[in-house]
C-alpha cells in the first residue's frame, strides 16, 4: 500500500472518528438540554402546586375568620337577648298589675266621699280578690297557710309555739301568708304553732 493511500485511509478514519465523537457530543447535549427542559417543566409544576396550595390556605383562613366573626356576632346577639330577657322579664306581670293599681286608685277616690265604711271594705276586698285571681290563674302564684293546717317546717316558719289539745302540730295563727310559684316556695308562711300537751 502506498503512502498516499495510507494517509487517505488514516484521514478517512480520523474523519469518521471525529464525526462519531461529534454525534455523541450532540446526543449528550440534546439529552442534557432535554433533561434541563424536563427539570424546568417540573419546577413550573411545583411552582403551580405551591401557588395552588397557598391559595387554598388563604381561602381556609378567610373561611375560618368568617366563621369566627359569625360566632362572635351570634354570641353578642345571645348576650343581648339574655340581657333584654332579664331587664324586661317582669314587663308582663307589671302590665297586669297596673289594672289592680288603677282599681286601688278608684277605691281610694270612692273612699274619700264614702259614708259607709262597709262599702270601702267591700271595694278593697274586690280589688284584692281580682289581684289574687289574676296572680293565681295567669302566673301560678298560690297563697297558703290557714289556722288548723298541719305544721310543715319546709313551708312554714314558726315564730312561736304553744301547747294545746291537739294530736299533732298545727297552725294556731297565721301572721303572714306563704306563697308558692308553681311548686316552689317563694315566701314561707309566718305562723304560731300549737303542739300536743306534754304528758
N, C-alpha and C. Protein backbone atom coordinates (compact mmCIF):
# COMPACT_ATOMS: atom_id res chain seq x y z
N UNK A 1 0.86 -1.18 0.00
CA UNK A 1 0.00 0.00 0.00
C UNK A 1 0.88 1.21 0.00
N UNK A 2 0.52 2.16 -0.86
CA UNK A 2 1.36 3.36 -0.98
C UNK A 2 1.09 4.29 0.19
N UNK A 3 2.04 5.17 0.38
CA UNK A 3 1.96 6.13 1.48
C UNK A 3 0.72 7.00 1.32
N UNK A 4 0.43 7.36 0.13
CA UNK A 4 -0.69 8.28 -0.12
C UNK A 4 -2.00 7.60 0.30
N UNK A 5 -2.07 6.32 -0.07
CA UNK A 5 -3.29 5.61 0.22
C UNK A 5 -3.46 5.47 1.73
N UNK A 6 -2.35 5.21 2.44
CA UNK A 6 -2.40 5.08 3.89
C UNK A 6 -2.86 6.38 4.51
N UNK A 7 -2.30 7.47 3.99
CA UNK A 7 -2.69 8.78 4.51
C UNK A 7 -4.17 9.04 4.29
N UNK A 8 -4.66 8.64 3.14
CA UNK A 8 -6.07 8.86 2.82
C UNK A 8 -6.95 8.07 3.80
N UNK A 9 -6.56 6.80 4.01
CA UNK A 9 -7.34 5.95 4.89
C UNK A 9 -7.28 6.46 6.33
N UNK A 10 -6.11 6.93 6.71
CA UNK A 10 -5.94 7.49 8.06
C UNK A 10 -6.82 8.72 8.23
N UNK A 11 -6.81 9.59 7.21
CA UNK A 11 -7.66 10.80 7.24
C UNK A 11 -9.13 10.41 7.32
N UNK A 12 -9.47 9.37 6.53
CA UNK A 12 -10.85 8.93 6.49
C UNK A 12 -11.26 8.40 7.87
N UNK A 13 -10.40 7.60 8.48
CA UNK A 13 -10.69 7.03 9.80
C UNK A 13 -10.82 8.13 10.84
N UNK A 14 -9.93 9.12 10.76
CA UNK A 14 -9.99 10.25 11.70
C UNK A 14 -11.30 11.01 11.55
N UNK A 15 -11.68 11.20 10.28
CA UNK A 15 -12.93 11.93 10.00
C UNK A 15 -14.13 11.17 10.55
N UNK A 16 -14.10 9.83 10.34
CA UNK A 16 -15.20 9.02 10.83
C UNK A 16 -15.26 9.08 12.36
N UNK A 17 -14.06 8.97 13.01
CA UNK A 17 -14.00 9.03 14.47
C UNK A 17 -14.49 10.39 14.96
N UNK A 18 -14.02 11.44 14.29
CA UNK A 18 -14.42 12.80 14.68
C UNK A 18 -15.93 12.95 14.53
N UNK A 19 -16.46 12.40 13.45
CA UNK A 19 -17.90 12.54 13.22
C UNK A 19 -18.68 11.74 14.26
N UNK A 20 -18.14 10.56 14.64
CA UNK A 20 -18.80 9.76 15.68
C UNK A 20 -18.76 10.50 17.02
N UNK A 21 -17.57 11.10 17.29
CA UNK A 21 -17.44 11.87 18.54
C UNK A 21 -18.43 13.04 18.54
N UNK A 22 -18.52 13.73 17.39
CA UNK A 22 -19.43 14.87 17.30
C UNK A 22 -20.87 14.41 17.51
N UNK A 23 -21.23 13.26 16.90
CA UNK A 23 -22.59 12.76 17.05
C UNK A 23 -22.87 12.43 18.52
N UNK A 24 -21.89 11.82 19.20
CA UNK A 24 -22.05 11.50 20.61
C UNK A 24 -22.21 12.77 21.45
N UNK A 25 -21.37 13.78 21.11
CA UNK A 25 -21.46 15.06 21.84
C UNK A 25 -22.82 15.71 21.62
N UNK A 26 -23.25 15.64 20.35
CA UNK A 26 -24.57 16.23 20.04
C UNK A 26 -25.67 15.50 20.81
N UNK A 27 -25.57 14.16 20.84
CA UNK A 27 -26.58 13.37 21.57
C UNK A 27 -26.56 13.73 23.06
N UNK A 28 -25.35 13.85 23.59
CA UNK A 28 -25.23 14.21 25.01
C UNK A 28 -25.82 15.58 25.27
N UNK A 29 -25.48 16.53 24.38
CA UNK A 29 -26.00 17.90 24.54
C UNK A 29 -27.53 17.92 24.44
N UNK A 30 -28.06 17.14 23.48
CA UNK A 30 -29.51 17.08 23.33
C UNK A 30 -30.15 16.47 24.58
N UNK A 31 -29.53 15.38 25.10
CA UNK A 31 -30.06 14.74 26.31
C UNK A 31 -30.03 15.70 27.50
N UNK A 32 -28.89 16.44 27.58
CA UNK A 32 -28.75 17.41 28.66
C UNK A 32 -29.81 18.49 28.55
N UNK A 33 -29.99 19.00 27.32
CA UNK A 33 -30.99 20.05 27.09
C UNK A 33 -32.39 19.54 27.42
N UNK A 34 -32.64 18.28 27.00
CA UNK A 34 -33.95 17.69 27.26
C UNK A 34 -34.19 17.54 28.76
N UNK A 35 -33.15 17.08 29.48
CA UNK A 35 -33.32 16.92 30.93
C UNK A 35 -33.48 18.28 31.60
N UNK A 36 -32.80 19.32 31.12
CA UNK A 36 -32.98 20.67 31.68
C UNK A 36 -34.39 21.16 31.44
N UNK A 37 -34.89 20.88 30.21
CA UNK A 37 -36.27 21.28 29.90
C UNK A 37 -37.26 20.56 30.81
N UNK A 38 -37.03 19.25 31.03
CA UNK A 38 -37.91 18.48 31.92
C UNK A 38 -37.85 19.04 33.34
N UNK A 39 -36.64 19.39 33.80
CA UNK A 39 -36.48 19.96 35.14
C UNK A 39 -37.23 21.28 35.24
N UNK A 40 -37.13 22.10 34.16
CA UNK A 40 -37.84 23.38 34.16
C UNK A 40 -39.35 23.14 34.22
N UNK A 41 -39.80 22.11 33.43
CA UNK A 41 -41.22 21.80 33.46
C UNK A 41 -41.64 21.34 34.86
N UNK A 42 -40.80 20.50 35.50
CA UNK A 42 -41.09 20.05 36.85
C UNK A 42 -41.10 21.22 37.82
N UNK A 43 -40.14 22.14 37.65
CA UNK A 43 -40.11 23.33 38.51
C UNK A 43 -41.38 24.15 38.34
N UNK A 44 -41.82 24.29 37.11
CA UNK A 44 -43.05 25.05 36.86
C UNK A 44 -44.24 24.37 37.52
N UNK A 45 -44.35 23.05 37.42
CA UNK A 45 -45.49 22.37 38.02
C UNK A 45 -45.40 22.45 39.56
N UNK A 46 -44.20 22.41 40.12
CA UNK A 46 -44.02 22.57 41.56
C UNK A 46 -44.44 23.98 41.98
N UNK A 47 -44.06 24.98 41.17
CA UNK A 47 -44.46 26.37 41.48
C UNK A 47 -45.97 26.52 41.40
N UNK A 48 -46.56 25.88 40.39
CA UNK A 48 -48.02 25.93 40.26
C UNK A 48 -48.67 25.28 41.49
N UNK A 49 -48.10 24.13 41.91
CA UNK A 49 -48.65 23.43 43.06
C UNK A 49 -48.54 24.29 44.32
N UNK A 50 -47.40 24.94 44.50
CA UNK A 50 -47.20 25.84 45.65
C UNK A 50 -48.23 26.97 45.62
N UNK A 51 -48.42 27.55 44.42
CA UNK A 51 -49.38 28.65 44.28
C UNK A 51 -50.79 28.17 44.62
N UNK A 52 -51.14 26.96 44.13
CA UNK A 52 -52.47 26.42 44.40
C UNK A 52 -52.67 26.17 45.89
N UNK A 53 -51.64 25.59 46.53
CA UNK A 53 -51.73 25.33 47.97
C UNK A 53 -51.81 26.62 48.78
N UNK A 54 -51.04 27.62 48.36
CA UNK A 54 -51.10 28.92 49.06
C UNK A 54 -52.49 29.53 48.93
N UNK A 55 -53.11 29.37 47.74
CA UNK A 55 -54.47 29.89 47.54
C UNK A 55 -55.47 29.14 48.43
N UNK A 56 -55.31 27.82 48.52
CA UNK A 56 -56.18 27.03 49.39
C UNK A 56 -56.04 27.46 50.85
N UNK A 57 -54.79 27.68 51.28
CA UNK A 57 -54.55 28.13 52.66
C UNK A 57 -55.22 29.48 52.89
N UNK A 58 -55.08 30.38 51.93
CA UNK A 58 -55.70 31.71 52.04
C UNK A 58 -57.22 31.60 52.13
N UNK A 59 -57.80 30.71 51.30
CA UNK A 59 -59.26 30.51 51.32
C UNK A 59 -59.70 29.95 52.67
N UNK A 60 -58.94 28.99 53.20
CA UNK A 60 -59.28 28.41 54.50
C UNK A 60 -59.17 29.44 55.63
N UNK A 61 -58.14 30.31 55.53
CA UNK A 61 -58.00 31.38 56.53
C UNK A 61 -59.21 32.30 56.49
N UNK A 62 -59.63 32.67 55.27
CA UNK A 62 -60.79 33.56 55.13
C UNK A 62 -62.04 32.90 55.69
N UNK A 63 -62.22 31.60 55.39
CA UNK A 63 -63.40 30.88 55.89
C UNK A 63 -63.38 30.81 57.41
N UNK A 64 -62.19 30.56 57.99
CA UNK A 64 -62.07 30.49 59.45
C UNK A 64 -62.38 31.84 60.09
N UNK A 65 -61.87 32.91 59.49
CA UNK A 65 -62.15 34.26 60.01
C UNK A 65 -63.64 34.58 59.92
N UNK A 66 -64.26 34.17 58.81
CA UNK A 66 -65.69 34.41 58.63
C UNK A 66 -66.49 33.67 59.70
N UNK A 67 -66.12 32.39 59.93
CA UNK A 67 -66.82 31.60 60.95
C UNK A 67 -66.62 32.21 62.34
N UNK A 68 -65.39 32.65 62.63
CA UNK A 68 -65.11 33.26 63.95
C UNK A 68 -65.95 34.52 64.13
N UNK A 69 -66.04 35.35 63.08
CA UNK A 69 -66.83 36.57 63.16
C UNK A 69 -68.31 36.24 63.33
N UNK A 70 -68.77 35.21 62.60
CA UNK A 70 -70.16 34.80 62.71
C UNK A 70 -70.48 34.31 64.12
N UNK A 71 -69.58 33.50 64.70
CA UNK A 71 -69.77 33.01 66.06
C UNK A 71 -69.76 34.15 67.07
N UNK A 72 -68.88 35.12 66.86
CA UNK A 72 -68.80 36.27 67.77
C UNK A 72 -70.10 37.07 67.71
N UNK A 73 -70.60 37.28 66.49
CA UNK A 73 -71.86 38.02 66.34
C UNK A 73 -73.02 37.27 66.99
N UNK A 74 -73.05 35.93 66.82
CA UNK A 74 -74.11 35.12 67.43
C UNK A 74 -74.04 35.23 68.95
N UNK A 75 -72.80 35.13 69.49
CA UNK A 75 -72.63 35.23 70.94
C UNK A 75 -73.12 36.59 71.45
N UNK A 76 -72.77 37.66 70.72
CA UNK A 76 -73.22 39.01 71.13
C UNK A 76 -74.74 39.12 71.09
N UNK A 77 -75.36 38.53 70.04
CA UNK A 77 -76.83 38.57 69.94
C UNK A 77 -77.46 37.83 71.11
N UNK A 78 -76.90 36.65 71.44
CA UNK A 78 -77.45 35.86 72.55
C UNK A 78 -77.32 36.62 73.88
N UNK A 79 -76.16 37.27 74.09
CA UNK A 79 -75.96 38.05 75.32
C UNK A 79 -76.95 39.20 75.39
N UNK A 80 -77.19 39.86 74.24
CA UNK A 80 -78.13 40.99 74.21
C UNK A 80 -79.55 40.49 74.51
N UNK A 81 -79.92 39.35 73.91
CA UNK A 81 -81.25 38.79 74.16
C UNK A 81 -81.41 38.40 75.63
N UNK A 82 -80.33 37.86 76.19
CA UNK A 82 -80.39 37.47 77.61
C UNK A 82 -80.55 38.70 78.49
N UNK A 83 -79.78 39.75 78.18
CA UNK A 83 -79.90 41.00 78.96
C UNK A 83 -81.31 41.57 78.85
N UNK A 84 -81.86 41.54 77.61
CA UNK A 84 -83.21 42.05 77.41
C UNK A 84 -84.22 41.22 78.19
N UNK A 85 -84.03 39.88 78.16
CA UNK A 85 -84.96 38.99 78.87
C UNK A 85 -84.94 39.28 80.36
N UNK A 86 -83.73 39.50 80.91
CA UNK A 86 -83.61 39.80 82.34
C UNK A 86 -84.19 41.19 82.65
N UNK A 87 -83.86 42.16 81.79
CA UNK A 87 -84.32 43.54 82.03
C UNK A 87 -85.83 43.67 81.96
N UNK A 88 -86.45 42.92 81.02
CA UNK A 88 -87.89 43.08 80.79
C UNK A 88 -88.69 41.84 81.19
N UNK A 89 -88.10 40.98 82.03
CA UNK A 89 -88.77 39.73 82.44
C UNK A 89 -90.08 40.01 83.15
N UNK A 90 -90.14 41.09 83.90
CA UNK A 90 -91.33 41.40 84.70
C UNK A 90 -92.31 42.32 83.98
N UNK A 91 -92.03 42.64 82.72
CA UNK A 91 -92.89 43.59 82.00
C UNK A 91 -94.33 43.10 81.93
N UNK A 92 -94.52 41.81 81.64
CA UNK A 92 -95.88 41.27 81.52
C UNK A 92 -96.60 41.32 82.87
N UNK A 93 -95.92 40.90 83.93
CA UNK A 93 -96.51 40.93 85.26
C UNK A 93 -96.87 42.36 85.67
N UNK A 94 -95.94 43.28 85.43
CA UNK A 94 -96.19 44.67 85.81
C UNK A 94 -97.37 45.25 85.02
N UNK A 95 -97.44 44.87 83.75
CA UNK A 95 -98.58 45.33 82.94
C UNK A 95 -99.90 44.85 83.52
N UNK A 96 -99.91 43.60 83.99
CA UNK A 96 -101.14 43.07 84.59
C UNK A 96 -101.44 43.71 85.95
N UNK A 97 -100.39 44.08 86.69
CA UNK A 97 -100.60 44.72 87.99
C UNK A 97 -101.15 46.14 87.86
N UNK A 98 -100.91 46.75 86.72
CA UNK A 98 -101.39 48.13 86.53
C UNK A 98 -102.91 48.23 86.68
N UNK A 99 -103.61 47.21 86.21
CA UNK A 99 -105.07 47.22 86.34
C UNK A 99 -105.49 47.22 87.81
N UNK A 100 -104.78 46.43 88.62
CA UNK A 100 -105.10 46.39 90.05
C UNK A 100 -104.77 47.73 90.71
N UNK A 101 -103.64 48.34 90.27
CA UNK A 101 -103.30 49.67 90.81
C UNK A 101 -104.38 50.69 90.45
N UNK A 102 -104.88 50.60 89.21
CA UNK A 102 -105.96 51.52 88.81
C UNK A 102 -107.20 51.30 89.68
N UNK A 103 -107.51 50.02 89.96
CA UNK A 103 -108.68 49.71 90.81
C UNK A 103 -108.48 50.24 92.24
N UNK A 104 -107.24 50.14 92.76
CA UNK A 104 -106.96 50.71 94.08
C UNK A 104 -107.15 52.22 94.07
N UNK A 105 -106.67 52.88 93.00
CA UNK A 105 -106.85 54.33 92.89
C UNK A 105 -108.34 54.70 92.91
N UNK A 106 -109.14 53.97 92.15
CA UNK A 106 -110.58 54.23 92.10
C UNK A 106 -111.22 54.00 93.48
N UNK A 107 -110.75 52.96 94.18
CA UNK A 107 -111.29 52.66 95.51
C UNK A 107 -110.95 53.79 96.49
N UNK A 108 -109.73 54.32 96.38
CA UNK A 108 -109.31 55.42 97.26
C UNK A 108 -110.16 56.67 96.97
N UNK A 109 -110.37 56.96 95.68
CA UNK A 109 -111.20 58.13 95.32
C UNK A 109 -112.62 57.96 95.86
N UNK A 110 -113.16 56.74 95.72
CA UNK A 110 -114.52 56.48 96.20
C UNK A 110 -114.58 56.58 97.73
N UNK A 111 -113.50 56.18 98.40
CA UNK A 111 -113.48 56.18 99.87
C UNK A 111 -113.48 57.60 100.42
N UNK A 112 -112.92 58.55 99.65
CA UNK A 112 -112.88 59.94 100.13
C UNK A 112 -114.27 60.52 100.33
N UNK A 113 -115.21 60.11 99.50
CA UNK A 113 -116.58 60.64 99.59
C UNK A 113 -117.56 59.65 100.21
N UNK A 114 -117.08 58.44 100.54
CA UNK A 114 -118.00 57.41 101.06
C UNK A 114 -118.36 57.69 102.51
N UNK A 115 -119.60 57.33 102.85
CA UNK A 115 -120.07 57.50 104.23
C UNK A 115 -120.19 56.16 104.93
N UNK A 116 -120.22 55.07 104.12
CA UNK A 116 -120.38 53.74 104.69
C UNK A 116 -119.03 53.01 104.68
N UNK A 117 -118.42 52.71 105.83
CA UNK A 117 -117.14 52.02 105.88
C UNK A 117 -117.20 50.63 105.26
N UNK A 118 -118.40 50.00 105.33
CA UNK A 118 -118.51 48.67 104.74
C UNK A 118 -118.33 48.72 103.23
N UNK A 119 -118.80 49.76 102.58
CA UNK A 119 -118.67 49.90 101.13
C UNK A 119 -117.19 50.01 100.76
N UNK A 120 -116.42 50.74 101.58
CA UNK A 120 -114.98 50.87 101.33
C UNK A 120 -114.30 49.51 101.48
N UNK A 121 -114.66 48.79 102.54
CA UNK A 121 -114.08 47.46 102.78
C UNK A 121 -114.43 46.51 101.64
N UNK A 122 -115.67 46.59 101.17
CA UNK A 122 -116.08 45.73 100.06
C UNK A 122 -115.30 46.05 98.79
N UNK A 123 -115.04 47.32 98.55
CA UNK A 123 -114.27 47.74 97.37
C UNK A 123 -112.84 47.20 97.43
N UNK A 124 -112.23 47.32 98.63
CA UNK A 124 -110.86 46.81 98.80
C UNK A 124 -110.84 45.30 98.63
N UNK A 125 -111.85 44.60 99.17
CA UNK A 125 -111.92 43.15 99.02
C UNK A 125 -112.03 42.75 97.55
N UNK A 126 -112.83 43.50 96.80
CA UNK A 126 -113.00 43.20 95.37
C UNK A 126 -111.67 43.34 94.62
N UNK A 127 -110.94 44.42 94.93
CA UNK A 127 -109.65 44.65 94.26
C UNK A 127 -108.67 43.54 94.64
N UNK A 128 -108.66 43.18 95.92
CA UNK A 128 -107.77 42.12 96.40
C UNK A 128 -108.10 40.79 95.73
N UNK A 129 -109.40 40.48 95.65
CA UNK A 129 -109.83 39.22 95.03
C UNK A 129 -109.43 39.19 93.56
N UNK A 130 -109.62 40.28 92.88
CA UNK A 130 -109.26 40.38 91.46
C UNK A 130 -107.76 40.19 91.27
N UNK A 131 -106.95 40.81 92.13
CA UNK A 131 -105.49 40.70 92.05
C UNK A 131 -105.04 39.26 92.31
N UNK A 132 -105.57 38.66 93.37
CA UNK A 132 -105.20 37.29 93.72
C UNK A 132 -105.60 36.33 92.59
N UNK A 133 -106.78 36.51 92.03
CA UNK A 133 -107.25 35.66 90.94
C UNK A 133 -106.33 35.75 89.72
N UNK A 134 -105.92 36.98 89.38
CA UNK A 134 -105.02 37.17 88.24
C UNK A 134 -103.68 36.47 88.49
N UNK A 135 -103.13 36.63 89.69
CA UNK A 135 -101.84 36.02 90.01
C UNK A 135 -101.92 34.49 90.01
N UNK A 136 -103.04 33.96 90.51
CA UNK A 136 -103.20 32.50 90.54
C UNK A 136 -103.39 31.93 89.14
N UNK A 137 -104.29 32.54 88.38
CA UNK A 137 -104.64 31.99 87.07
C UNK A 137 -103.57 32.22 86.01
N UNK A 138 -102.95 33.37 86.03
CA UNK A 138 -102.01 33.71 84.96
C UNK A 138 -100.57 33.39 85.32
N UNK A 139 -100.21 33.46 86.60
CA UNK A 139 -98.80 33.30 86.99
C UNK A 139 -98.56 32.12 87.94
N UNK A 140 -99.60 31.33 88.19
CA UNK A 140 -99.47 30.15 89.06
C UNK A 140 -98.93 30.47 90.46
N UNK A 141 -99.27 31.64 90.96
CA UNK A 141 -98.88 32.03 92.31
C UNK A 141 -100.03 31.66 93.24
N UNK A 142 -99.74 30.85 94.25
CA UNK A 142 -100.80 30.45 95.18
C UNK A 142 -100.39 30.77 96.61
N UNK A 143 -101.34 31.25 97.37
CA UNK A 143 -101.11 31.53 98.78
C UNK A 143 -101.48 30.31 99.61
N UNK A 144 -100.86 30.17 100.76
CA UNK A 144 -101.20 29.06 101.66
C UNK A 144 -100.99 29.50 103.10
N UNK A 145 -101.56 28.71 103.99
CA UNK A 145 -101.42 28.97 105.42
C UNK A 145 -102.76 29.39 106.00
N UNK A 146 -103.39 28.47 106.70
CA UNK A 146 -104.67 28.77 107.36
C UNK A 146 -104.67 28.09 108.73
N UNK A 147 -105.36 28.70 109.66
CA UNK A 147 -105.46 28.14 111.01
C UNK A 147 -106.03 26.73 110.91
N UNK A 148 -105.38 25.80 111.60
CA UNK A 148 -105.84 24.41 111.59
C UNK A 148 -105.04 23.53 110.63
N UNK A 149 -104.28 24.14 109.70
CA UNK A 149 -103.44 23.33 108.80
C UNK A 149 -102.34 22.65 109.60
N UNK A 150 -101.90 21.48 109.13
CA UNK A 150 -100.78 20.78 109.78
C UNK A 150 -99.50 21.59 109.59
N UNK A 151 -98.70 21.66 110.63
CA UNK A 151 -97.43 22.40 110.57
C UNK A 151 -96.41 21.61 109.74
N UNK A 152 -95.79 22.31 108.77
CA UNK A 152 -94.75 21.71 107.90
C UNK A 152 -93.55 22.66 107.91
N UNK A 153 -92.45 22.27 108.56
CA UNK A 153 -91.30 23.18 108.64
C UNK A 153 -90.69 23.54 107.28
N UNK A 154 -91.02 22.77 106.24
CA UNK A 154 -90.50 23.09 104.90
C UNK A 154 -91.19 24.31 104.29
N UNK A 155 -92.44 24.53 104.70
CA UNK A 155 -93.16 25.66 104.09
C UNK A 155 -93.63 26.69 105.12
N UNK A 156 -93.55 26.34 106.39
CA UNK A 156 -93.96 27.27 107.45
C UNK A 156 -92.76 27.71 108.28
N UNK A 157 -92.80 28.95 108.72
CA UNK A 157 -91.77 29.47 109.63
C UNK A 157 -92.45 29.75 110.96
N UNK A 158 -92.12 28.94 111.96
CA UNK A 158 -92.76 29.08 113.28
C UNK A 158 -92.10 30.25 114.02
N UNK A 159 -92.93 31.22 114.42
CA UNK A 159 -92.38 32.34 115.19
C UNK A 159 -92.75 32.20 116.67
N UNK A 160 -93.46 31.13 116.97
CA UNK A 160 -93.80 30.86 118.37
C UNK A 160 -94.50 29.51 118.49
N UNK A 161 -94.46 28.94 119.70
CA UNK A 161 -95.10 27.64 119.93
C UNK A 161 -95.88 27.69 121.24
N UNK A 162 -96.97 26.94 121.26
CA UNK A 162 -97.76 26.81 122.48
C UNK A 162 -98.35 25.40 122.52
N UNK A 163 -98.72 24.99 123.69
CA UNK A 163 -99.31 23.66 123.83
C UNK A 163 -100.83 23.78 123.81
N UNK A 164 -101.45 22.73 123.29
CA UNK A 164 -102.92 22.74 123.23
C UNK A 164 -103.46 21.34 123.08
N UNK A 165 -104.76 21.25 123.00
CA UNK A 165 -105.42 19.95 122.88
C UNK A 165 -105.45 19.54 121.41
N UNK A 166 -104.32 19.14 120.91
CA UNK A 166 -104.22 18.68 119.52
C UNK A 166 -103.43 17.38 119.49
N UNK A 167 -103.65 16.59 118.45
CA UNK A 167 -102.94 15.32 118.34
C UNK A 167 -101.61 15.48 117.60
N UNK A 168 -101.51 16.49 116.77
CA UNK A 168 -100.25 16.77 116.05
C UNK A 168 -100.09 18.27 115.92
N UNK A 169 -98.88 18.69 115.60
CA UNK A 169 -98.61 20.13 115.48
C UNK A 169 -99.43 20.72 114.34
N UNK A 170 -100.06 21.84 114.66
CA UNK A 170 -100.84 22.55 113.62
C UNK A 170 -100.77 24.05 113.85
N UNK A 171 -101.29 24.78 112.87
CA UNK A 171 -101.20 26.24 112.92
C UNK A 171 -102.28 26.78 113.85
N UNK A 172 -101.83 27.56 114.84
CA UNK A 172 -102.77 28.21 115.76
C UNK A 172 -103.14 29.59 115.24
N UNK A 173 -102.20 30.22 114.56
CA UNK A 173 -102.45 31.55 113.99
C UNK A 173 -101.51 31.75 112.81
N UNK A 174 -101.95 32.54 111.83
CA UNK A 174 -101.12 32.85 110.65
C UNK A 174 -100.90 34.35 110.66
N UNK A 175 -99.63 34.72 110.82
CA UNK A 175 -99.30 36.15 110.87
C UNK A 175 -99.01 36.70 109.47
N UNK A 176 -98.47 35.84 108.62
CA UNK A 176 -98.16 36.26 107.25
C UNK A 176 -98.32 35.05 106.35
N UNK A 177 -99.19 35.18 105.34
CA UNK A 177 -99.43 34.05 104.44
C UNK A 177 -98.15 33.70 103.67
N UNK A 178 -98.03 32.42 103.33
CA UNK A 178 -96.93 31.97 102.48
C UNK A 178 -97.38 31.93 101.03
N UNK A 179 -96.41 31.95 100.10
CA UNK A 179 -96.75 31.90 98.68
C UNK A 179 -95.82 30.94 97.95
N UNK A 180 -96.44 30.21 97.00
CA UNK A 180 -95.68 29.31 96.13
C UNK A 180 -95.85 29.76 94.68
N UNK A 181 -94.77 29.67 93.94
CA UNK A 181 -94.83 29.87 92.49
C UNK A 181 -94.71 28.49 91.90
N UNK A 182 -95.83 27.99 91.36
CA UNK A 182 -95.94 26.58 90.97
C UNK A 182 -95.65 25.73 92.20
N UNK A 183 -94.53 24.96 92.22
CA UNK A 183 -94.26 24.12 93.39
C UNK A 183 -93.16 24.70 94.28
N UNK A 184 -92.62 25.84 93.92
CA UNK A 184 -91.51 26.41 94.67
C UNK A 184 -92.01 27.47 95.66
N UNK A 185 -91.58 27.33 96.92
CA UNK A 185 -91.96 28.31 97.94
C UNK A 185 -91.16 29.59 97.70
N UNK A 186 -91.86 30.71 97.52
CA UNK A 186 -91.14 31.97 97.36
C UNK A 186 -91.23 32.84 98.62
N UNK A 187 -92.18 32.48 99.51
CA UNK A 187 -92.20 33.10 100.84
C UNK A 187 -92.84 32.12 101.82
N UNK A 188 -92.12 31.82 102.89
CA UNK A 188 -92.64 30.92 103.92
C UNK A 188 -93.72 31.65 104.73
N UNK A 189 -94.73 30.90 105.12
CA UNK A 189 -95.78 31.46 105.98
C UNK A 189 -95.24 31.61 107.40
N UNK A 190 -95.47 32.78 108.00
CA UNK A 190 -95.05 33.01 109.39
C UNK A 190 -96.24 32.67 110.28
N UNK A 191 -96.02 31.70 111.17
CA UNK A 191 -97.15 31.15 111.91
C UNK A 191 -96.85 30.93 113.38
N UNK A 192 -97.94 30.83 114.15
CA UNK A 192 -97.86 30.37 115.54
C UNK A 192 -98.30 28.91 115.51
N UNK A 193 -97.52 28.05 116.17
CA UNK A 193 -97.79 26.61 116.12
C UNK A 193 -98.31 26.14 117.48
N UNK A 194 -99.32 25.30 117.42
CA UNK A 194 -99.82 24.66 118.65
C UNK A 194 -99.41 23.19 118.57
N UNK A 195 -98.82 22.69 119.66
CA UNK A 195 -98.34 21.31 119.69
C UNK A 195 -99.06 20.56 120.79
N UNK A 196 -99.04 19.23 120.71
CA UNK A 196 -99.74 18.45 121.75
C UNK A 196 -99.14 18.73 123.14
N UNK A 197 -99.97 18.64 124.15
CA UNK A 197 -99.50 18.87 125.51
C UNK A 197 -98.55 17.76 125.90
N UNK A 198 -97.49 18.14 126.59
CA UNK A 198 -96.54 17.13 127.07
C UNK A 198 -97.13 16.43 128.28
N UNK A 199 -96.93 15.12 128.38
CA UNK A 199 -97.51 14.35 129.49
C UNK A 199 -96.61 14.42 130.72
